[in-house]
Amino acid sequence: MRLFAAVLPPEDVTASLAGEVAALRGLPGADGLRWTGRPGWHFTLAFYGEVDDDVVPGLSARLERAAHRTAPFPLALHGGGQFGHGRALWAGAEGDLAALRLLADRAESAGRKAGAGTGEHRRYTPHLTLARSRQAADVRPFVEALAGFTGPAWTVTDLALVRSNLPASGVPGEQPRYEAVARHPLGAAG
C-alpha cells in the first residue's frame, strides 16, 4: 500500500482554508491548476511510497514511538509558497515549526528503520499542497494572495499514518483518496 506520515489539520482549520482557496480559484490562471480537494489537505511528514503489508506493523510501531517522544505543539496555516517554478502551490505554517520539523525527522527515521523507503533526505519545508501544475506556471499572484492569510491555531496532538489511494478510473480531475490507517498521540496528548 502507498503510505505517508502526516499531520492532519482539524475541521475548523480546513474550513478557514477552504474560504481562502475559493478566493484563489477566482484569480486569473486558476483554471490551469489542478486543485487539491479539502479531504486531501495535510502536512506530509515523510513519504514512504509503496510499502509491503508485512512492513506496516513495524512502521506503525516505530511511528508510535516517534509520536510518544514528541510533545504536542501549536500550529497554524500561514502564508504560502511554491515548489518547482509553480508546479506546486502550497499554504505554509507558523507556530512551533521546530517541533514540526523534529516530528518529520522522526517519521522519516521510523520509515528507514522499518524498511519503508523515504528517498533522499531533504530539509523539511512545512507545507500543505493546494494545487499542482504539470508544467511551470506563474503562481506569484496566488502566493501574494496567500501572504496575508493566517488560519486558526490548533494544537497538534497526533501523527497519522495515511494510505493514499490513487485514482484508477482515468476520469480527468479525479483526486486521490486518503485514509488514516493509524493515529498515534503525541507525548502528553494520550
N, C-alpha and C. Protein backbone atom coordinates (compact mmCIF):
# COMPACT_ATOMS: atom_id res chain seq x y z
N MET A 1 0.84 -1.19 0.00
CA MET A 1 0.00 0.00 0.00
C MET A 1 0.88 1.24 0.00
N ARG A 2 0.35 2.33 -0.53
CA ARG A 2 1.09 3.59 -0.66
C ARG A 2 0.84 4.41 0.61
N LEU A 3 1.91 4.68 1.37
CA LEU A 3 1.76 5.29 2.69
C LEU A 3 2.63 6.53 2.88
N PHE A 4 2.17 7.39 3.79
CA PHE A 4 2.97 8.52 4.25
C PHE A 4 2.55 8.87 5.67
N ALA A 5 3.44 9.55 6.40
CA ALA A 5 3.13 10.05 7.73
C ALA A 5 2.74 11.51 7.58
N ALA A 6 1.75 11.95 8.38
CA ALA A 6 1.24 13.31 8.20
C ALA A 6 0.67 13.88 9.49
N VAL A 7 0.55 15.20 9.49
CA VAL A 7 -0.24 15.94 10.46
C VAL A 7 -1.51 16.35 9.72
N LEU A 8 -2.66 16.01 10.29
CA LEU A 8 -3.95 16.31 9.67
C LEU A 8 -4.60 17.48 10.41
N PRO A 9 -4.81 18.61 9.73
CA PRO A 9 -5.45 19.75 10.39
C PRO A 9 -6.90 19.44 10.76
N PRO A 10 -7.40 20.02 11.85
CA PRO A 10 -8.79 19.80 12.24
C PRO A 10 -9.76 20.53 11.31
N GLU A 11 -11.02 20.18 11.45
CA GLU A 11 -12.09 20.68 10.58
C GLU A 11 -12.17 22.21 10.54
N ASP A 12 -12.06 22.90 11.68
CA ASP A 12 -12.18 24.36 11.65
C ASP A 12 -11.04 25.00 10.87
N VAL A 13 -9.88 24.37 10.88
CA VAL A 13 -8.72 24.88 10.14
C VAL A 13 -8.94 24.70 8.64
N THR A 14 -9.41 23.51 8.24
CA THR A 14 -9.63 23.29 6.81
C THR A 14 -10.81 24.13 6.30
N ALA A 15 -11.79 24.39 7.17
CA ALA A 15 -12.92 25.25 6.77
C ALA A 15 -12.42 26.67 6.48
N SER A 16 -11.54 27.18 7.33
CA SER A 16 -10.97 28.50 7.12
C SER A 16 -10.17 28.55 5.81
N LEU A 17 -9.38 27.51 5.58
CA LEU A 17 -8.58 27.45 4.36
C LEU A 17 -9.47 27.33 3.13
N ALA A 18 -10.58 26.62 3.24
CA ALA A 18 -11.48 26.45 2.10
C ALA A 18 -11.99 27.81 1.60
N GLY A 19 -12.26 28.71 2.53
CA GLY A 19 -12.69 30.05 2.13
C GLY A 19 -11.60 30.78 1.37
N GLU A 20 -10.37 30.65 1.83
CA GLU A 20 -9.23 31.28 1.15
C GLU A 20 -9.02 30.68 -0.23
N VAL A 21 -9.12 29.37 -0.34
CA VAL A 21 -8.92 28.69 -1.62
C VAL A 21 -10.02 29.07 -2.61
N ALA A 22 -11.24 29.25 -2.13
CA ALA A 22 -12.34 29.67 -3.02
C ALA A 22 -11.99 31.01 -3.67
N ALA A 23 -11.41 31.92 -2.90
CA ALA A 23 -10.99 33.21 -3.45
C ALA A 23 -9.85 33.04 -4.45
N LEU A 24 -8.89 32.16 -4.14
CA LEU A 24 -7.77 31.91 -5.06
C LEU A 24 -8.26 31.35 -6.39
N ARG A 25 -9.26 30.51 -6.33
CA ARG A 25 -9.77 29.88 -7.56
C ARG A 25 -10.48 30.88 -8.46
N GLY A 26 -10.74 32.07 -7.94
CA GLY A 26 -11.34 33.13 -8.75
C GLY A 26 -10.31 33.99 -9.46
N LEU A 27 -9.02 33.78 -9.17
CA LEU A 27 -7.96 34.58 -9.79
C LEU A 27 -7.68 34.11 -11.22
N PRO A 28 -7.20 35.03 -12.08
CA PRO A 28 -6.82 34.63 -13.44
C PRO A 28 -5.74 33.54 -13.39
N GLY A 29 -5.90 32.54 -14.23
CA GLY A 29 -4.94 31.45 -14.30
C GLY A 29 -5.28 30.26 -13.41
N ALA A 30 -6.30 30.40 -12.57
CA ALA A 30 -6.66 29.31 -11.65
C ALA A 30 -7.12 28.06 -12.38
N ASP A 31 -7.74 28.24 -13.55
CA ASP A 31 -8.22 27.08 -14.30
C ASP A 31 -7.09 26.21 -14.83
N GLY A 32 -5.88 26.76 -14.91
CA GLY A 32 -4.73 25.99 -15.40
C GLY A 32 -4.08 25.14 -14.32
N LEU A 33 -4.60 25.21 -13.09
CA LEU A 33 -4.04 24.43 -11.99
C LEU A 33 -4.98 23.28 -11.62
N ARG A 34 -4.42 22.20 -11.13
CA ARG A 34 -5.20 21.07 -10.59
C ARG A 34 -5.27 21.27 -9.09
N TRP A 35 -6.43 21.64 -8.58
CA TRP A 35 -6.60 21.99 -7.18
C TRP A 35 -6.81 20.74 -6.34
N THR A 36 -6.15 20.70 -5.20
CA THR A 36 -6.28 19.59 -4.26
C THR A 36 -7.58 19.75 -3.50
N GLY A 37 -8.34 18.68 -3.38
CA GLY A 37 -9.60 18.74 -2.64
C GLY A 37 -9.37 18.81 -1.14
N ARG A 38 -10.31 19.40 -0.45
CA ARG A 38 -10.23 19.58 1.00
C ARG A 38 -9.95 18.28 1.76
N PRO A 39 -10.51 17.14 1.35
CA PRO A 39 -10.19 15.91 2.09
C PRO A 39 -8.71 15.51 1.98
N GLY A 40 -8.00 16.08 1.02
CA GLY A 40 -6.59 15.74 0.83
C GLY A 40 -5.62 16.70 1.49
N TRP A 41 -6.11 17.66 2.25
CA TRP A 41 -5.22 18.65 2.85
C TRP A 41 -4.54 18.08 4.09
N HIS A 42 -3.22 18.09 4.06
CA HIS A 42 -2.42 17.54 5.15
C HIS A 42 -0.99 18.07 5.05
N PHE A 43 -0.26 17.95 6.13
CA PHE A 43 1.18 18.24 6.14
C PHE A 43 1.90 16.90 6.09
N THR A 44 2.45 16.55 4.93
CA THR A 44 3.22 15.31 4.83
C THR A 44 4.50 15.48 5.65
N LEU A 45 4.77 14.49 6.50
CA LEU A 45 5.99 14.49 7.30
C LEU A 45 7.05 13.62 6.64
N ALA A 46 6.64 12.46 6.13
CA ALA A 46 7.56 11.54 5.45
C ALA A 46 6.73 10.73 4.46
N PHE A 47 7.22 10.61 3.24
CA PHE A 47 6.53 9.82 2.22
C PHE A 47 7.26 8.49 2.07
N TYR A 48 6.53 7.39 2.20
CA TYR A 48 7.13 6.07 2.15
C TYR A 48 6.92 5.35 0.82
N GLY A 49 5.94 5.78 0.04
CA GLY A 49 5.66 5.11 -1.22
C GLY A 49 5.00 3.77 -0.97
N GLU A 50 5.21 2.84 -1.90
CA GLU A 50 4.63 1.50 -1.77
C GLU A 50 5.34 0.75 -0.65
N VAL A 51 4.56 0.29 0.32
CA VAL A 51 5.09 -0.42 1.48
C VAL A 51 4.44 -1.80 1.52
N ASP A 52 5.26 -2.84 1.63
CA ASP A 52 4.74 -4.20 1.74
C ASP A 52 3.91 -4.34 3.01
N ASP A 53 2.85 -5.13 2.92
CA ASP A 53 1.95 -5.32 4.06
C ASP A 53 2.68 -5.79 5.31
N ASP A 54 3.72 -6.64 5.14
CA ASP A 54 4.42 -7.16 6.30
C ASP A 54 5.31 -6.12 6.99
N VAL A 55 5.56 -4.98 6.33
CA VAL A 55 6.37 -3.90 6.91
C VAL A 55 5.51 -2.93 7.73
N VAL A 56 4.21 -2.88 7.43
CA VAL A 56 3.32 -1.88 8.03
C VAL A 56 3.27 -1.96 9.57
N PRO A 57 3.14 -3.15 10.19
CA PRO A 57 3.09 -3.16 11.66
C PRO A 57 4.35 -2.58 12.31
N GLY A 58 5.52 -2.91 11.77
CA GLY A 58 6.76 -2.36 12.32
C GLY A 58 6.86 -0.86 12.12
N LEU A 59 6.42 -0.39 10.95
CA LEU A 59 6.42 1.04 10.67
C LEU A 59 5.49 1.76 11.64
N SER A 60 4.30 1.21 11.82
CA SER A 60 3.33 1.83 12.72
C SER A 60 3.86 1.87 14.16
N ALA A 61 4.51 0.80 14.59
CA ALA A 61 5.08 0.77 15.95
C ALA A 61 6.18 1.82 16.10
N ARG A 62 7.02 1.97 15.09
CA ARG A 62 8.09 2.98 15.16
C ARG A 62 7.50 4.39 15.15
N LEU A 63 6.44 4.61 14.37
CA LEU A 63 5.79 5.92 14.36
C LEU A 63 5.14 6.21 15.71
N GLU A 64 4.59 5.18 16.33
CA GLU A 64 4.00 5.36 17.66
C GLU A 64 5.07 5.83 18.65
N ARG A 65 6.25 5.22 18.60
CA ARG A 65 7.35 5.64 19.48
C ARG A 65 7.79 7.07 19.16
N ALA A 66 7.88 7.40 17.87
CA ALA A 66 8.27 8.76 17.47
C ALA A 66 7.26 9.78 17.99
N ALA A 67 5.99 9.45 17.89
CA ALA A 67 4.94 10.35 18.38
C ALA A 67 5.03 10.50 19.90
N HIS A 68 5.25 9.40 20.59
CA HIS A 68 5.32 9.43 22.05
C HIS A 68 6.48 10.31 22.53
N ARG A 69 7.56 10.37 21.76
CA ARG A 69 8.74 11.17 22.13
C ARG A 69 8.58 12.65 21.77
N THR A 70 7.46 13.02 21.15
CA THR A 70 7.24 14.40 20.71
C THR A 70 6.06 14.99 21.48
N ALA A 71 6.27 16.11 22.12
CA ALA A 71 5.18 16.77 22.86
C ALA A 71 4.23 17.47 21.89
N PRO A 72 2.95 17.59 22.26
CA PRO A 72 2.01 18.37 21.45
C PRO A 72 2.56 19.79 21.25
N PHE A 73 2.20 20.39 20.13
CA PHE A 73 2.73 21.72 19.81
C PHE A 73 1.71 22.53 19.02
N PRO A 74 1.83 23.88 19.11
CA PRO A 74 0.89 24.75 18.39
C PRO A 74 1.29 24.91 16.92
N LEU A 75 0.27 25.03 16.07
CA LEU A 75 0.48 25.21 14.64
C LEU A 75 -0.69 26.00 14.06
N ALA A 76 -0.43 26.73 13.00
CA ALA A 76 -1.48 27.43 12.25
C ALA A 76 -1.04 27.50 10.80
N LEU A 77 -2.00 27.51 9.90
CA LEU A 77 -1.68 27.76 8.49
C LEU A 77 -1.34 29.23 8.34
N HIS A 78 -0.32 29.51 7.55
CA HIS A 78 0.08 30.89 7.37
C HIS A 78 0.84 31.05 6.06
N GLY A 79 0.40 32.04 5.26
CA GLY A 79 1.11 32.36 4.03
C GLY A 79 1.08 31.22 3.03
N GLY A 80 2.03 31.27 2.11
CA GLY A 80 2.10 30.24 1.08
C GLY A 80 3.38 30.34 0.30
N GLY A 81 3.52 29.45 -0.65
CA GLY A 81 4.72 29.42 -1.47
C GLY A 81 4.54 28.46 -2.62
N GLN A 82 5.65 28.16 -3.28
CA GLN A 82 5.61 27.29 -4.44
C GLN A 82 6.87 26.44 -4.51
N PHE A 83 6.75 25.32 -5.17
CA PHE A 83 7.89 24.47 -5.49
C PHE A 83 7.92 24.30 -7.00
N GLY A 84 9.11 24.09 -7.55
CA GLY A 84 9.25 23.71 -8.95
C GLY A 84 8.70 24.71 -9.95
N HIS A 85 8.99 25.99 -9.77
CA HIS A 85 8.53 27.03 -10.70
C HIS A 85 7.02 26.96 -10.94
N GLY A 86 6.29 26.85 -9.84
CA GLY A 86 4.83 26.86 -9.92
C GLY A 86 4.19 25.51 -10.13
N ARG A 87 4.97 24.45 -10.08
CA ARG A 87 4.38 23.11 -10.25
C ARG A 87 3.58 22.69 -9.02
N ALA A 88 3.85 23.32 -7.88
CA ALA A 88 3.08 23.06 -6.66
C ALA A 88 2.89 24.38 -5.92
N LEU A 89 1.64 24.68 -5.60
CA LEU A 89 1.27 25.86 -4.82
C LEU A 89 0.85 25.34 -3.45
N TRP A 90 1.37 25.97 -2.39
CA TRP A 90 1.07 25.46 -1.07
C TRP A 90 0.81 26.56 -0.05
N ALA A 91 0.11 26.16 1.02
CA ALA A 91 -0.07 27.01 2.20
C ALA A 91 1.03 26.63 3.18
N GLY A 92 1.58 27.63 3.84
CA GLY A 92 2.65 27.40 4.81
C GLY A 92 2.12 27.27 6.22
N ALA A 93 3.02 27.36 7.18
CA ALA A 93 2.64 27.19 8.58
C ALA A 93 3.41 28.17 9.46
N GLU A 94 2.85 28.43 10.63
CA GLU A 94 3.54 29.15 11.69
C GLU A 94 3.20 28.47 12.99
N GLY A 95 3.97 28.76 14.00
CA GLY A 95 3.81 28.10 15.29
C GLY A 95 5.14 27.47 15.65
N ASP A 96 5.09 26.32 16.28
CA ASP A 96 6.32 25.64 16.68
C ASP A 96 6.85 24.80 15.51
N LEU A 97 7.46 25.48 14.54
CA LEU A 97 7.97 24.80 13.36
C LEU A 97 9.15 23.89 13.68
N ALA A 98 9.89 24.21 14.74
CA ALA A 98 10.99 23.32 15.15
C ALA A 98 10.43 21.97 15.58
N ALA A 99 9.31 21.96 16.30
CA ALA A 99 8.69 20.70 16.71
C ALA A 99 8.14 19.95 15.51
N LEU A 100 7.56 20.66 14.55
CA LEU A 100 7.05 20.02 13.34
C LEU A 100 8.19 19.38 12.55
N ARG A 101 9.31 20.11 12.42
CA ARG A 101 10.47 19.55 11.72
C ARG A 101 11.04 18.34 12.45
N LEU A 102 11.08 18.40 13.77
CA LEU A 102 11.56 17.27 14.56
C LEU A 102 10.66 16.05 14.34
N LEU A 103 9.35 16.26 14.34
CA LEU A 103 8.42 15.16 14.10
C LEU A 103 8.62 14.59 12.70
N ALA A 104 8.86 15.46 11.72
CA ALA A 104 9.12 14.99 10.35
C ALA A 104 10.41 14.16 10.30
N ASP A 105 11.44 14.62 10.97
CA ASP A 105 12.71 13.86 11.02
C ASP A 105 12.49 12.50 11.67
N ARG A 106 11.72 12.48 12.74
CA ARG A 106 11.45 11.21 13.44
C ARG A 106 10.61 10.27 12.57
N ALA A 107 9.66 10.81 11.82
CA ALA A 107 8.84 9.98 10.94
C ALA A 107 9.68 9.42 9.80
N GLU A 108 10.59 10.22 9.28
CA GLU A 108 11.49 9.74 8.22
C GLU A 108 12.39 8.63 8.76
N SER A 109 12.95 8.84 9.93
CA SER A 109 13.82 7.85 10.56
C SER A 109 13.05 6.56 10.85
N ALA A 110 11.82 6.68 11.32
CA ALA A 110 10.99 5.50 11.58
C ALA A 110 10.80 4.69 10.30
N GLY A 111 10.58 5.38 9.19
CA GLY A 111 10.42 4.69 7.92
C GLY A 111 11.68 3.95 7.50
N ARG A 112 12.80 4.63 7.61
CA ARG A 112 14.08 3.99 7.24
C ARG A 112 14.33 2.74 8.08
N LYS A 113 14.13 2.87 9.40
CA LYS A 113 14.40 1.75 10.30
C LYS A 113 13.43 0.59 10.10
N ALA A 114 12.21 0.90 9.65
CA ALA A 114 11.21 -0.14 9.43
C ALA A 114 11.37 -0.79 8.06
N GLY A 115 12.19 -0.20 7.19
CA GLY A 115 12.37 -0.75 5.85
C GLY A 115 11.41 -0.18 4.83
N ALA A 116 10.81 0.96 5.16
CA ALA A 116 9.93 1.66 4.20
C ALA A 116 10.75 2.78 3.56
N GLY A 117 10.82 2.81 2.25
CA GLY A 117 11.64 3.80 1.55
C GLY A 117 11.17 5.21 1.78
N THR A 118 12.10 6.10 2.03
CA THR A 118 11.76 7.52 2.17
C THR A 118 12.53 8.37 1.16
N GLY A 119 13.30 7.74 0.28
CA GLY A 119 14.05 8.51 -0.71
C GLY A 119 15.18 9.29 -0.06
N GLU A 120 15.66 10.28 -0.79
CA GLU A 120 16.77 11.07 -0.26
C GLU A 120 16.28 12.05 0.79
N HIS A 121 17.11 12.33 1.78
CA HIS A 121 16.75 13.26 2.84
C HIS A 121 16.88 14.70 2.35
N ARG A 122 15.85 15.49 2.60
CA ARG A 122 15.87 16.93 2.32
C ARG A 122 15.40 17.65 3.57
N ARG A 123 15.87 18.89 3.71
CA ARG A 123 15.39 19.69 4.84
C ARG A 123 13.88 19.85 4.69
N TYR A 124 13.17 19.60 5.77
CA TYR A 124 11.72 19.63 5.75
C TYR A 124 11.20 21.06 5.61
N THR A 125 10.32 21.28 4.66
CA THR A 125 9.64 22.55 4.47
C THR A 125 8.16 22.33 4.76
N PRO A 126 7.65 22.87 5.88
CA PRO A 126 6.24 22.67 6.22
C PRO A 126 5.34 23.27 5.14
N HIS A 127 4.48 22.43 4.56
CA HIS A 127 3.57 22.91 3.53
C HIS A 127 2.37 21.99 3.38
N LEU A 128 1.28 22.57 2.97
CA LEU A 128 0.05 21.86 2.68
C LEU A 128 -0.27 22.17 1.22
N THR A 129 -0.21 21.18 0.35
CA THR A 129 -0.36 21.41 -1.10
C THR A 129 -1.80 21.78 -1.43
N LEU A 130 -1.94 22.90 -2.15
CA LEU A 130 -3.25 23.38 -2.58
C LEU A 130 -3.54 23.08 -4.04
N ALA A 131 -2.50 23.17 -4.89
CA ALA A 131 -2.71 22.96 -6.33
C ALA A 131 -1.40 22.53 -6.97
N ARG A 132 -1.53 21.89 -8.12
CA ARG A 132 -0.37 21.44 -8.89
C ARG A 132 -0.55 21.83 -10.35
N SER A 133 0.57 21.83 -11.06
CA SER A 133 0.56 22.09 -12.50
C SER A 133 1.54 21.12 -13.14
N ARG A 134 1.19 20.61 -14.30
CA ARG A 134 2.09 19.66 -14.99
C ARG A 134 3.33 20.35 -15.54
N GLN A 135 3.23 21.64 -15.81
CA GLN A 135 4.40 22.40 -16.29
C GLN A 135 4.56 23.66 -15.44
N ALA A 136 5.68 24.30 -15.61
CA ALA A 136 5.95 25.54 -14.87
C ALA A 136 4.79 26.51 -15.08
N ALA A 137 4.41 27.18 -14.00
CA ALA A 137 3.29 28.13 -14.06
C ALA A 137 3.62 29.34 -13.19
N ASP A 138 3.10 30.49 -13.59
CA ASP A 138 3.31 31.69 -12.79
C ASP A 138 2.24 31.72 -11.70
N VAL A 139 2.63 31.31 -10.52
CA VAL A 139 1.69 31.27 -9.39
C VAL A 139 1.94 32.43 -8.42
N ARG A 140 2.76 33.40 -8.84
CA ARG A 140 3.05 34.53 -7.94
C ARG A 140 1.80 35.23 -7.44
N PRO A 141 0.77 35.46 -8.28
CA PRO A 141 -0.43 36.11 -7.75
C PRO A 141 -1.10 35.31 -6.62
N PHE A 142 -1.03 33.99 -6.71
CA PHE A 142 -1.62 33.14 -5.68
C PHE A 142 -0.79 33.20 -4.40
N VAL A 143 0.53 33.15 -4.55
CA VAL A 143 1.42 33.25 -3.39
C VAL A 143 1.24 34.60 -2.71
N GLU A 144 1.13 35.67 -3.51
CA GLU A 144 0.92 37.01 -2.95
C GLU A 144 -0.42 37.09 -2.22
N ALA A 145 -1.46 36.46 -2.78
CA ALA A 145 -2.77 36.47 -2.12
C ALA A 145 -2.74 35.70 -0.81
N LEU A 146 -1.92 34.65 -0.74
CA LEU A 146 -1.80 33.86 0.49
C LEU A 146 -0.96 34.54 1.56
N ALA A 147 -0.16 35.54 1.18
CA ALA A 147 0.79 36.16 2.10
C ALA A 147 0.12 36.67 3.38
N GLY A 148 -1.08 37.20 3.27
CA GLY A 148 -1.76 37.74 4.44
C GLY A 148 -2.66 36.74 5.16
N PHE A 149 -2.70 35.51 4.67
CA PHE A 149 -3.60 34.51 5.26
C PHE A 149 -2.98 33.86 6.50
N THR A 150 -3.77 33.83 7.56
CA THR A 150 -3.43 33.05 8.75
C THR A 150 -4.70 32.36 9.20
N GLY A 151 -4.64 31.05 9.31
CA GLY A 151 -5.80 30.28 9.76
C GLY A 151 -5.82 30.18 11.27
N PRO A 152 -6.86 29.56 11.80
CA PRO A 152 -6.95 29.38 13.25
C PRO A 152 -5.82 28.49 13.77
N ALA A 153 -5.30 28.82 14.92
CA ALA A 153 -4.26 28.00 15.55
C ALA A 153 -4.91 26.76 16.17
N TRP A 154 -4.14 25.68 16.21
CA TRP A 154 -4.58 24.47 16.90
C TRP A 154 -3.36 23.81 17.52
N THR A 155 -3.61 22.86 18.38
CA THR A 155 -2.53 22.09 18.98
C THR A 155 -2.47 20.74 18.27
N VAL A 156 -1.31 20.45 17.69
CA VAL A 156 -1.10 19.15 17.04
C VAL A 156 -0.96 18.13 18.15
N THR A 157 -1.85 17.13 18.14
CA THR A 157 -1.86 16.14 19.22
C THR A 157 -1.60 14.72 18.73
N ASP A 158 -1.50 14.53 17.40
CA ASP A 158 -1.20 13.18 16.93
C ASP A 158 -0.50 13.20 15.58
N LEU A 159 0.06 12.06 15.27
CA LEU A 159 0.74 11.80 14.00
C LEU A 159 -0.08 10.71 13.32
N ALA A 160 -0.38 10.89 12.03
CA ALA A 160 -1.20 9.92 11.31
C ALA A 160 -0.35 9.16 10.29
N LEU A 161 -0.63 7.87 10.18
CA LEU A 161 -0.11 7.05 9.09
C LEU A 161 -1.25 6.98 8.09
N VAL A 162 -1.00 7.50 6.88
CA VAL A 162 -2.07 7.68 5.91
C VAL A 162 -1.82 6.83 4.67
N ARG A 163 -2.88 6.20 4.20
CA ARG A 163 -2.84 5.43 2.96
C ARG A 163 -3.36 6.32 1.84
N SER A 164 -2.63 6.34 0.74
CA SER A 164 -3.01 7.12 -0.43
C SER A 164 -3.54 6.16 -1.49
N ASN A 165 -4.81 6.32 -1.85
CA ASN A 165 -5.43 5.51 -2.89
C ASN A 165 -5.51 6.35 -4.16
N LEU A 166 -4.65 6.04 -5.12
CA LEU A 166 -4.59 6.81 -6.36
C LEU A 166 -5.80 6.55 -7.23
N PRO A 167 -6.23 7.55 -8.02
CA PRO A 167 -7.38 7.35 -8.90
C PRO A 167 -7.10 6.22 -9.90
N ALA A 168 -8.10 5.41 -10.13
CA ALA A 168 -7.95 4.31 -11.07
C ALA A 168 -8.91 4.43 -12.25
N SER A 169 -9.83 5.38 -12.18
CA SER A 169 -10.87 5.46 -13.20
C SER A 169 -10.42 6.13 -14.49
N GLY A 170 -9.36 6.95 -14.39
CA GLY A 170 -8.93 7.69 -15.57
C GLY A 170 -9.77 8.92 -15.85
N VAL A 171 -10.69 9.25 -14.96
CA VAL A 171 -11.53 10.43 -15.11
C VAL A 171 -10.68 11.67 -14.82
N PRO A 172 -10.60 12.62 -15.76
CA PRO A 172 -9.80 13.82 -15.52
C PRO A 172 -10.27 14.56 -14.27
N GLY A 173 -9.29 14.99 -13.47
CA GLY A 173 -9.61 15.75 -12.26
C GLY A 173 -9.93 14.91 -11.04
N GLU A 174 -10.00 13.57 -11.22
CA GLU A 174 -10.28 12.73 -10.05
C GLU A 174 -9.12 12.84 -9.06
N GLN A 175 -9.44 12.94 -7.79
CA GLN A 175 -8.45 13.15 -6.73
C GLN A 175 -8.09 11.82 -6.06
N PRO A 176 -6.87 11.72 -5.54
CA PRO A 176 -6.56 10.57 -4.71
C PRO A 176 -7.45 10.59 -3.47
N ARG A 177 -7.68 9.42 -2.90
CA ARG A 177 -8.42 9.33 -1.64
C ARG A 177 -7.42 8.98 -0.55
N TYR A 178 -7.57 9.63 0.60
CA TYR A 178 -6.66 9.42 1.71
C TYR A 178 -7.41 8.80 2.88
N GLU A 179 -6.76 7.84 3.52
CA GLU A 179 -7.38 7.13 4.63
C GLU A 179 -6.34 6.99 5.74
N ALA A 180 -6.67 7.53 6.92
CA ALA A 180 -5.76 7.37 8.06
C ALA A 180 -5.88 5.94 8.55
N VAL A 181 -4.79 5.17 8.46
CA VAL A 181 -4.81 3.78 8.89
C VAL A 181 -4.37 3.65 10.35
N ALA A 182 -3.72 4.67 10.88
CA ALA A 182 -3.34 4.70 12.30
C ALA A 182 -3.13 6.16 12.70
N ARG A 183 -3.48 6.45 13.95
CA ARG A 183 -3.21 7.78 14.52
C ARG A 183 -2.56 7.55 15.88
N HIS A 184 -1.38 8.16 16.03
CA HIS A 184 -0.61 7.95 17.25
C HIS A 184 -0.54 9.26 18.03
N PRO A 185 -1.01 9.27 19.30
CA PRO A 185 -0.98 10.50 20.09
C PRO A 185 0.43 10.95 20.40
N LEU A 186 0.63 12.26 20.37
CA LEU A 186 1.92 12.82 20.74
C LEU A 186 2.08 12.77 22.26
N GLY A 187 3.33 12.66 22.70
CA GLY A 187 3.73 12.66 24.10
C GLY A 187 2.66 12.73 25.13
N ALA A 188 2.41 13.91 25.65
CA ALA A 188 1.45 14.10 26.74
C ALA A 188 0.02 14.14 26.25
N ALA A 189 -0.21 13.93 24.94
CA ALA A 189 -1.57 14.03 24.41
C ALA A 189 -2.38 12.79 24.71
N GLY A 190 -1.76 11.69 25.02
CA GLY A 190 -2.53 10.46 25.22
C GLY A 190 -1.89 9.61 26.15
